[in-house]
All heavy atoms as atom14 arrays in JSON, in Angstrom:
{
  "sequence": "FVAKAEIRSWPLAGWLVDKAGTVFIARGNRRDLRHIFKGLVH",
  "atom14_mask": [
    [1, 1, 1, 1, 1, 1, 1, 1, 1, 1, 1, 0, 0, 0],
    [1, 1, 1, 1, 1, 1, 1, 0, 0, 0, 0, 0, 0, 0],
    [1, 1, 1, 1, 1, 0, 0, 0, 0, 0, 0, 0, 0, 0],
    [1, 1, 1, 1, 1, 1, 1, 1, 1, 0, 0, 0, 0, 0],
    [1, 1, 1, 1, 1, 0, 0, 0, 0, 0, 0, 0, 0, 0],
    [1, 1, 1, 1, 1, 1, 1, 1, 1, 0, 0, 0, 0, 0],
    [1, 1, 1, 1, 1, 1, 1, 1, 0, 0, 0, 0, 0, 0],
    [1, 1, 1, 1, 1, 1, 1, 1, 1, 1, 1, 0, 0, 0],
    [1, 1, 1, 1, 1, 1, 0, 0, 0, 0, 0, 0, 0, 0],
    [1, 1, 1, 1, 1, 1, 1, 1, 1, 1, 1, 1, 1, 1],
    [1, 1, 1, 1, 1, 1, 1, 0, 0, 0, 0, 0, 0, 0],
    [1, 1, 1, 1, 1, 1, 1, 1, 0, 0, 0, 0, 0, 0],
    [1, 1, 1, 1, 1, 0, 0, 0, 0, 0, 0, 0, 0, 0],
    [1, 1, 1, 1, 0, 0, 0, 0, 0, 0, 0, 0, 0, 0],
    [1, 1, 1, 1, 1, 1, 1, 1, 1, 1, 1, 1, 1, 1],
    [1, 1, 1, 1, 1, 1, 1, 1, 0, 0, 0, 0, 0, 0],
    [1, 1, 1, 1, 1, 1, 1, 0, 0, 0, 0, 0, 0, 0],
    [1, 1, 1, 1, 1, 1, 1, 1, 0, 0, 0, 0, 0, 0],
    [1, 1, 1, 1, 1, 1, 1, 1, 1, 0, 0, 0, 0, 0],
    [1, 1, 1, 1, 1, 0, 0, 0, 0, 0, 0, 0, 0, 0],
    [1, 1, 1, 1, 0, 0, 0, 0, 0, 0, 0, 0, 0, 0],
    [1, 1, 1, 1, 1, 1, 1, 0, 0, 0, 0, 0, 0, 0],
    [1, 1, 1, 1, 1, 1, 1, 0, 0, 0, 0, 0, 0, 0],
    [1, 1, 1, 1, 1, 1, 1, 1, 1, 1, 1, 0, 0, 0],
    [1, 1, 1, 1, 1, 1, 1, 1, 0, 0, 0, 0, 0, 0],
    [1, 1, 1, 1, 1, 0, 0, 0, 0, 0, 0, 0, 0, 0],
    [1, 1, 1, 1, 1, 1, 1, 1, 1, 1, 1, 0, 0, 0],
    [1, 1, 1, 1, 0, 0, 0, 0, 0, 0, 0, 0, 0, 0],
    [1, 1, 1, 1, 1, 1, 1, 1, 0, 0, 0, 0, 0, 0],
    [1, 1, 1, 1, 1, 1, 1, 1, 1, 1, 1, 0, 0, 0],
    [1, 1, 1, 1, 1, 1, 1, 1, 1, 1, 1, 0, 0, 0],
    [1, 1, 1, 1, 1, 1, 1, 1, 0, 0, 0, 0, 0, 0],
    [1, 1, 1, 1, 1, 1, 1, 1, 0, 0, 0, 0, 0, 0],
    [1, 1, 1, 1, 1, 1, 1, 1, 1, 1, 1, 0, 0, 0],
    [1, 1, 1, 1, 1, 1, 1, 1, 1, 1, 0, 0, 0, 0],
    [1, 1, 1, 1, 1, 1, 1, 1, 0, 0, 0, 0, 0, 0],
    [1, 1, 1, 1, 1, 1, 1, 1, 1, 1, 1, 0, 0, 0],
    [1, 1, 1, 1, 1, 1, 1, 1, 1, 0, 0, 0, 0, 0],
    [1, 1, 1, 1, 0, 0, 0, 0, 0, 0, 0, 0, 0, 0],
    [1, 1, 1, 1, 1, 1, 1, 1, 0, 0, 0, 0, 0, 0],
    [1, 1, 1, 1, 1, 1, 1, 0, 0, 0, 0, 0, 0, 0],
    [1, 1, 1, 1, 1, 1, 1, 1, 1, 1, 0, 0, 0, 0]
  ],
  "atom14_positions": [
    [[194.69, 106.34, 152.66], [193.35, 106.88, 152.87], [192.36, 106.43, 151.8], [192.73, 106.16, 150.65], [193.4, 108.42, 152.87], [193.83, 109.0, 154.18], [195.16, 109.23, 154.45], [192.9, 109.3, 155.16], [195.58, 109.76, 155.65], [193.29, 109.84, 156.37], [194.64, 110.07, 156.62], [0.0, 0.0, 0.0], [0.0, 0.0, 0.0], [0.0, 0.0, 0.0]],
    [[191.11, 106.38, 152.21], [189.99, 106.22, 151.29], [189.22, 107.53, 151.35], [188.87, 108.0, 152.44], [189.07, 105.06, 151.7], [187.93, 104.9, 150.7], [189.86, 103.76, 151.84], [0.0, 0.0, 0.0], [0.0, 0.0, 0.0], [0.0, 0.0, 0.0], [0.0, 0.0, 0.0], [0.0, 0.0, 0.0], [0.0, 0.0, 0.0], [0.0, 0.0, 0.0]],
    [[188.97, 108.16, 150.2], [188.34, 109.48, 150.19], [187.36, 109.59, 149.02], [187.42, 108.82, 148.07], [189.4, 110.57, 150.1], [0.0, 0.0, 0.0], [0.0, 0.0, 0.0], [0.0, 0.0, 0.0], [0.0, 0.0, 0.0], [0.0, 0.0, 0.0], [0.0, 0.0, 0.0], [0.0, 0.0, 0.0], [0.0, 0.0, 0.0], [0.0, 0.0, 0.0]],
    [[186.47, 110.57, 149.1], [185.5, 110.78, 148.04], [186.21, 111.27, 146.78], [187.23, 111.97, 146.83], [184.43, 111.77, 148.48], [184.94, 113.14, 148.9], [183.8, 113.99, 149.43], [184.3, 115.37, 149.85], [183.21, 116.22, 150.37], [0.0, 0.0, 0.0], [0.0, 0.0, 0.0], [0.0, 0.0, 0.0], [0.0, 0.0, 0.0], [0.0, 0.0, 0.0]],
    [[185.65, 110.92, 145.63], [186.29, 111.17, 144.34], [186.49, 112.67, 144.07], [187.41, 113.05, 143.34], [185.47, 110.55, 143.22], [0.0, 0.0, 0.0], [0.0, 0.0, 0.0], [0.0, 0.0, 0.0], [0.0, 0.0, 0.0], [0.0, 0.0, 0.0], [0.0, 0.0, 0.0], [0.0, 0.0, 0.0], [0.0, 0.0, 0.0], [0.0, 0.0, 0.0]],
    [[185.66, 113.53, 144.68], [185.77, 114.96, 144.42], [187.13, 115.53, 144.82], [187.6, 116.52, 144.26], [184.66, 115.71, 145.18], [183.26, 115.49, 144.64], [182.57, 114.3, 145.3], [183.28, 113.38, 145.78], [181.34, 114.29, 145.35], [0.0, 0.0, 0.0], [0.0, 0.0, 0.0], [0.0, 0.0, 0.0], [0.0, 0.0, 0.0], [0.0, 0.0, 0.0]],
    [[187.79, 114.9, 145.78], [189.08, 115.4, 146.26], [190.12, 115.37, 145.15], [191.02, 116.21, 145.11], [189.54, 114.58, 147.49], [188.62, 114.89, 148.67], [190.99, 114.87, 147.84], [188.95, 114.09, 149.91], [0.0, 0.0, 0.0], [0.0, 0.0, 0.0], [0.0, 0.0, 0.0], [0.0, 0.0, 0.0], [0.0, 0.0, 0.0], [0.0, 0.0, 0.0]],
    [[189.99, 114.42, 144.24], [190.97, 114.29, 143.16], [191.03, 115.56, 142.31], [192.06, 115.86, 141.7], [190.63, 113.09, 142.28], [191.7, 112.76, 141.25], [191.24, 111.64, 140.34], [191.51, 110.33, 140.88], [190.66, 109.31, 140.86], [189.47, 109.48, 140.34], [191.0, 108.14, 141.34], [0.0, 0.0, 0.0], [0.0, 0.0, 0.0], [0.0, 0.0, 0.0]],
    [[189.94, 116.33, 142.25], [189.89, 117.53, 141.41], [190.44, 118.78, 142.11], [190.52, 119.84, 141.5], [188.44, 117.8, 140.97], [187.61, 118.11, 142.08], [0.0, 0.0, 0.0], [0.0, 0.0, 0.0], [0.0, 0.0, 0.0], [0.0, 0.0, 0.0], [0.0, 0.0, 0.0], [0.0, 0.0, 0.0], [0.0, 0.0, 0.0], [0.0, 0.0, 0.0]],
    [[190.8, 118.66, 143.39], [191.36, 119.83, 144.08], [192.68, 120.25, 143.43], [193.5, 119.39, 143.08], [191.63, 119.51, 145.55], [190.4, 119.34, 146.39], [189.11, 119.55, 146.01], [190.38, 118.91, 147.75], [188.27, 119.27, 147.07], [189.02, 118.89, 148.14], [191.35, 118.55, 148.66], [188.62, 118.51, 149.41], [190.96, 118.18, 149.94], [189.62, 118.16, 150.31]],
    [[192.92, 121.54, 143.28], [194.18, 122.0, 142.67], [195.4, 121.52, 143.47], [195.46, 121.72, 144.68], [194.05, 123.53, 142.74], [192.58, 123.79, 142.84], [192.01, 122.65, 143.62], [0.0, 0.0, 0.0], [0.0, 0.0, 0.0], [0.0, 0.0, 0.0], [0.0, 0.0, 0.0], [0.0, 0.0, 0.0], [0.0, 0.0, 0.0], [0.0, 0.0, 0.0]],
    [[196.33, 120.89, 142.81], [197.59, 120.4, 143.38], [197.39, 119.35, 144.46], [197.94, 118.24, 144.39], [198.43, 121.56, 143.94], [198.83, 122.66, 142.95], [199.67, 123.72, 143.66], [199.59, 122.09, 141.77], [0.0, 0.0, 0.0], [0.0, 0.0, 0.0], [0.0, 0.0, 0.0], [0.0, 0.0, 0.0], [0.0, 0.0, 0.0], [0.0, 0.0, 0.0]],
    [[196.61, 119.66, 145.5], [196.44, 118.75, 146.62], [195.79, 117.44, 146.19], [196.12, 116.37, 146.7], [195.61, 119.41, 147.72], [0.0, 0.0, 0.0], [0.0, 0.0, 0.0], [0.0, 0.0, 0.0], [0.0, 0.0, 0.0], [0.0, 0.0, 0.0], [0.0, 0.0, 0.0], [0.0, 0.0, 0.0], [0.0, 0.0, 0.0], [0.0, 0.0, 0.0]],
    [[194.85, 117.52, 145.22], [194.19, 116.31, 144.74], [195.16, 115.35, 144.09], [195.11, 114.13, 144.32], [0.0, 0.0, 0.0], [0.0, 0.0, 0.0], [0.0, 0.0, 0.0], [0.0, 0.0, 0.0], [0.0, 0.0, 0.0], [0.0, 0.0, 0.0], [0.0, 0.0, 0.0], [0.0, 0.0, 0.0], [0.0, 0.0, 0.0], [0.0, 0.0, 0.0]],
    [[196.05, 115.89, 143.28], [197.07, 115.06, 142.62], [198.01, 114.45, 143.66], [198.39, 113.28, 143.57], [197.85, 115.9, 141.63], [198.74, 115.11, 140.71], [198.43, 114.65, 139.47], [200.09, 114.71, 140.96], [199.5, 113.98, 138.93], [200.54, 114.0, 139.82], [200.97, 114.87, 142.02], [201.82, 113.46, 139.72], [202.25, 114.34, 141.95], [202.65, 113.64, 140.8]],
    [[198.36, 115.25, 144.66], [199.29, 114.79, 145.69], [198.73, 113.63, 146.49], [199.4, 112.61, 146.68], [199.62, 115.95, 146.64], [200.79, 116.84, 146.25], [200.83, 118.06, 147.14], [202.09, 116.07, 146.35], [0.0, 0.0, 0.0], [0.0, 0.0, 0.0], [0.0, 0.0, 0.0], [0.0, 0.0, 0.0], [0.0, 0.0, 0.0], [0.0, 0.0, 0.0]],
    [[197.52, 113.76, 146.99], [196.96, 112.69, 147.81], [196.71, 111.44, 146.97], [196.77, 110.31, 147.47], [195.67, 113.14, 148.54], [195.97, 114.25, 149.53], [194.59, 113.6, 147.56], [0.0, 0.0, 0.0], [0.0, 0.0, 0.0], [0.0, 0.0, 0.0], [0.0, 0.0, 0.0], [0.0, 0.0, 0.0], [0.0, 0.0, 0.0], [0.0, 0.0, 0.0]],
    [[196.45, 111.64, 145.68], [196.3, 110.5, 144.77], [197.62, 109.73, 144.69], [197.66, 108.5, 144.88], [195.88, 111.0, 143.39], [195.64, 109.87, 142.4], [195.58, 108.69, 142.81], [195.51, 110.16, 141.2], [0.0, 0.0, 0.0], [0.0, 0.0, 0.0], [0.0, 0.0, 0.0], [0.0, 0.0, 0.0], [0.0, 0.0, 0.0], [0.0, 0.0, 0.0]],
    [[198.72, 110.42, 144.42], [200.01, 109.77, 144.26], [200.55, 109.24, 145.59], [201.44, 108.37, 145.59], [201.03, 110.73, 143.65], [200.66, 111.17, 142.24], [200.45, 109.97, 141.32], [200.05, 110.4, 139.92], [199.75, 109.24, 139.05], [0.0, 0.0, 0.0], [0.0, 0.0, 0.0], [0.0, 0.0, 0.0], [0.0, 0.0, 0.0], [0.0, 0.0, 0.0]],
    [[200.04, 109.75, 146.7], [200.45, 109.25, 148.01], [199.74, 107.94, 148.37], [199.99, 107.38, 149.43], [200.2, 110.3, 149.09], [0.0, 0.0, 0.0], [0.0, 0.0, 0.0], [0.0, 0.0, 0.0], [0.0, 0.0, 0.0], [0.0, 0.0, 0.0], [0.0, 0.0, 0.0], [0.0, 0.0, 0.0], [0.0, 0.0, 0.0], [0.0, 0.0, 0.0]],
    [[198.85, 107.47, 147.48], [198.21, 106.19, 147.7], [196.75, 106.24, 148.1], [196.16, 105.21, 148.45], [0.0, 0.0, 0.0], [0.0, 0.0, 0.0], [0.0, 0.0, 0.0], [0.0, 0.0, 0.0], [0.0, 0.0, 0.0], [0.0, 0.0, 0.0], [0.0, 0.0, 0.0], [0.0, 0.0, 0.0], [0.0, 0.0, 0.0], [0.0, 0.0, 0.0]],
    [[196.14, 107.42, 148.05], [194.72, 107.54, 148.41], [193.85, 106.78, 147.41], [194.09, 106.81, 146.2], [194.3, 109.02, 148.44], [195.08, 109.7, 149.44], [192.83, 109.17, 148.79], [0.0, 0.0, 0.0], [0.0, 0.0, 0.0], [0.0, 0.0, 0.0], [0.0, 0.0, 0.0], [0.0, 0.0, 0.0], [0.0, 0.0, 0.0], [0.0, 0.0, 0.0]],
    [[192.83, 106.12, 147.93], [191.86, 105.41, 147.11], [190.6, 106.25, 147.05], [190.07, 106.66, 148.09], [191.54, 104.02, 147.7], [190.48, 103.31, 146.87], [192.79, 103.17, 147.8], [0.0, 0.0, 0.0], [0.0, 0.0, 0.0], [0.0, 0.0, 0.0], [0.0, 0.0, 0.0], [0.0, 0.0, 0.0], [0.0, 0.0, 0.0], [0.0, 0.0, 0.0]],
    [[190.11, 106.55, 145.85], [188.95, 107.43, 145.68], [187.69, 106.63, 145.39], [187.72, 105.68, 144.59], [189.2, 108.44, 144.57], [190.33, 109.39, 144.87], [191.58, 109.22, 144.28], [190.15, 110.45, 145.74], [192.62, 110.08, 144.55], [191.19, 111.32, 146.03], [192.43, 111.14, 145.43], [0.0, 0.0, 0.0], [0.0, 0.0, 0.0], [0.0, 0.0, 0.0]],
    [[186.59, 107.04, 146.01], [185.3, 106.39, 145.82], [184.34, 107.35, 145.15], [184.14, 108.47, 145.63], [184.71, 105.92, 147.16], [185.59, 104.84, 147.79], [183.3, 105.38, 146.97], [185.07, 104.32, 149.11], [0.0, 0.0, 0.0], [0.0, 0.0, 0.0], [0.0, 0.0, 0.0], [0.0, 0.0, 0.0], [0.0, 0.0, 0.0], [0.0, 0.0, 0.0]],
    [[183.74, 106.91, 144.06], [182.71, 107.71, 143.38], [181.36, 107.38, 144.01], [181.0, 106.21, 144.17], [182.69, 107.4, 141.89], [0.0, 0.0, 0.0], [0.0, 0.0, 0.0], [0.0, 0.0, 0.0], [0.0, 0.0, 0.0], [0.0, 0.0, 0.0], [0.0, 0.0, 0.0], [0.0, 0.0, 0.0], [0.0, 0.0, 0.0], [0.0, 0.0, 0.0]],
    [[180.61, 108.4, 144.37], [179.31, 108.19, 145.01], [178.36, 107.44, 144.08], [178.24, 107.76, 142.91], [178.7, 109.53, 145.4], [179.48, 110.27, 146.49], [178.85, 111.61, 146.78], [179.59, 112.34, 147.8], [179.29, 113.58, 148.2], [178.27, 114.21, 147.65], [180.01, 114.18, 149.12], [0.0, 0.0, 0.0], [0.0, 0.0, 0.0], [0.0, 0.0, 0.0]],
    [[177.66, 106.46, 144.64], [176.65, 105.74, 143.89], [177.17, 104.7, 142.93], [176.39, 104.07, 142.22], [0.0, 0.0, 0.0], [0.0, 0.0, 0.0], [0.0, 0.0, 0.0], [0.0, 0.0, 0.0], [0.0, 0.0, 0.0], [0.0, 0.0, 0.0], [0.0, 0.0, 0.0], [0.0, 0.0, 0.0], [0.0, 0.0, 0.0], [0.0, 0.0, 0.0]],
    [[178.48, 104.5, 142.89], [179.07, 103.53, 141.97], [179.32, 102.23, 142.72], [180.36, 102.04, 143.35], [180.37, 104.08, 141.37], [180.89, 103.22, 140.23], [180.68, 102.02, 140.19], [181.59, 103.86, 139.3], [0.0, 0.0, 0.0], [0.0, 0.0, 0.0], [0.0, 0.0, 0.0], [0.0, 0.0, 0.0], [0.0, 0.0, 0.0], [0.0, 0.0, 0.0]],
    [[178.37, 101.31, 142.66], [178.47, 100.06, 143.43], [179.6, 99.18, 142.92], [180.28, 98.51, 143.7], [177.14, 99.3, 143.38], [176.02, 100.0, 144.13], [174.75, 99.17, 144.13], [173.69, 99.82, 144.88], [173.51, 99.7, 146.19], [174.36, 98.95, 146.89], [172.52, 100.3, 146.8], [0.0, 0.0, 0.0], [0.0, 0.0, 0.0], [0.0, 0.0, 0.0]],
    [[179.81, 99.16, 141.61], [180.89, 98.34, 141.06], [182.24, 98.86, 141.55], [183.12, 98.09, 141.91], [180.85, 98.36, 139.53], [181.98, 97.56, 138.88], [181.89, 97.62, 137.36], [180.67, 96.98, 136.86], [180.37, 96.91, 135.56], [181.18, 97.44, 134.66], [179.27, 96.31, 135.19], [0.0, 0.0, 0.0], [0.0, 0.0, 0.0], [0.0, 0.0, 0.0]],
    [[182.39, 100.18, 141.56], [183.61, 100.8, 142.04], [183.83, 100.45, 143.5], [184.95, 100.14, 143.93], [183.53, 102.31, 141.85], [184.85, 103.02, 142.14], [185.89, 102.47, 141.75], [184.83, 104.1, 142.74], [0.0, 0.0, 0.0], [0.0, 0.0, 0.0], [0.0, 0.0, 0.0], [0.0, 0.0, 0.0], [0.0, 0.0, 0.0], [0.0, 0.0, 0.0]],
    [[182.75, 100.48, 144.29], [182.84, 100.19, 145.71], [183.28, 98.76, 145.95], [184.12, 98.49, 146.82], [181.49, 100.46, 146.39], [181.43, 100.24, 147.9], [182.43, 101.14, 148.62], [180.02, 100.49, 148.43], [0.0, 0.0, 0.0], [0.0, 0.0, 0.0], [0.0, 0.0, 0.0], [0.0, 0.0, 0.0], [0.0, 0.0, 0.0], [0.0, 0.0, 0.0]],
    [[182.75, 97.82, 145.18], [183.14, 96.42, 145.35], [184.61, 96.21, 145.03], [185.32, 95.47, 145.72], [182.27, 95.51, 144.46], [180.85, 95.32, 144.95], [180.2, 94.16, 144.24], [180.07, 94.39, 142.81], [179.03, 94.97, 142.23], [178.01, 95.38, 142.98], [178.98, 95.13, 140.92], [0.0, 0.0, 0.0], [0.0, 0.0, 0.0], [0.0, 0.0, 0.0]],
    [[185.1, 96.87, 143.97], [186.5, 96.75, 143.59], [187.4, 97.34, 144.67], [188.43, 96.75, 145.04], [186.72, 97.47, 142.26], [188.15, 97.52, 141.82], [188.82, 96.4, 141.35], [189.05, 98.54, 141.8], [190.06, 96.73, 141.06], [190.23, 98.02, 141.31], [0.0, 0.0, 0.0], [0.0, 0.0, 0.0], [0.0, 0.0, 0.0], [0.0, 0.0, 0.0]],
    [[187.02, 98.5, 145.19], [187.8, 99.16, 146.23], [187.79, 98.33, 147.51], [188.81, 98.19, 148.19], [187.26, 100.57, 146.48], [187.59, 101.48, 145.29], [187.82, 101.16, 147.78], [186.91, 102.81, 145.32], [0.0, 0.0, 0.0], [0.0, 0.0, 0.0], [0.0, 0.0, 0.0], [0.0, 0.0, 0.0], [0.0, 0.0, 0.0], [0.0, 0.0, 0.0]],
    [[186.64, 97.74, 147.81], [186.51, 96.93, 149.01], [187.53, 95.78, 149.0], [188.22, 95.53, 149.98], [185.09, 96.38, 149.11], [184.88, 95.44, 150.27], [184.62, 95.94, 151.53], [184.95, 94.07, 150.11], [184.44, 95.09, 152.61], [184.77, 93.21, 151.17], [184.51, 93.72, 152.43], [0.0, 0.0, 0.0], [0.0, 0.0, 0.0], [0.0, 0.0, 0.0]],
    [[187.64, 95.1, 147.86], [188.6, 94.0, 147.75], [190.03, 94.5, 147.95], [190.85, 93.84, 148.58], [188.46, 93.32, 146.39], [187.15, 92.57, 146.2], [187.08, 91.95, 144.81], [185.75, 91.22, 144.61], [185.65, 90.66, 143.24], [0.0, 0.0, 0.0], [0.0, 0.0, 0.0], [0.0, 0.0, 0.0], [0.0, 0.0, 0.0], [0.0, 0.0, 0.0]],
    [[190.33, 95.68, 147.39], [191.66, 96.25, 147.54], [191.97, 96.61, 148.99], [193.1, 96.42, 149.46], [0.0, 0.0, 0.0], [0.0, 0.0, 0.0], [0.0, 0.0, 0.0], [0.0, 0.0, 0.0], [0.0, 0.0, 0.0], [0.0, 0.0, 0.0], [0.0, 0.0, 0.0], [0.0, 0.0, 0.0], [0.0, 0.0, 0.0], [0.0, 0.0, 0.0]],
    [[190.97, 97.1, 149.72], [191.17, 97.46, 151.12], [191.45, 96.21, 151.96], [192.32, 96.24, 152.84], [189.93, 98.19, 151.67], [189.63, 99.57, 151.11], [188.4, 100.15, 151.77], [190.82, 100.48, 151.29], [0.0, 0.0, 0.0], [0.0, 0.0, 0.0], [0.0, 0.0, 0.0], [0.0, 0.0, 0.0], [0.0, 0.0, 0.0], [0.0, 0.0, 0.0]],
    [[190.69, 95.16, 151.71], [190.92, 93.91, 152.44], [192.35, 93.42, 152.21], [193.05, 93.03, 153.15], [189.9, 92.83, 152.03], [190.24, 91.48, 152.67], [188.48, 93.25, 152.43], [0.0, 0.0, 0.0], [0.0, 0.0, 0.0], [0.0, 0.0, 0.0], [0.0, 0.0, 0.0], [0.0, 0.0, 0.0], [0.0, 0.0, 0.0], [0.0, 0.0, 0.0]],
    [[192.78, 93.47, 150.96], [194.15, 93.04, 150.63], [195.18, 93.92, 151.34], [196.17, 93.4, 151.9], [194.36, 93.11, 149.12], [195.75, 92.77, 148.69], [196.24, 91.48, 148.66], [196.79, 93.57, 148.28], [197.5, 91.49, 148.27], [197.86, 92.74, 148.03], [0.0, 0.0, 0.0], [0.0, 0.0, 0.0], [0.0, 0.0, 0.0], [0.0, 0.0, 0.0]]
  ]
}
């Protein structure tokens, strides 16, 4: 999954979805978006 960065702060569930391979996107961070975009294509 690709999800908004706020999910990472959820109690327990945030850590779980992170370790399950979720990719988090920070709003307004264009550099982060470009890096994530390349990872998604791969």
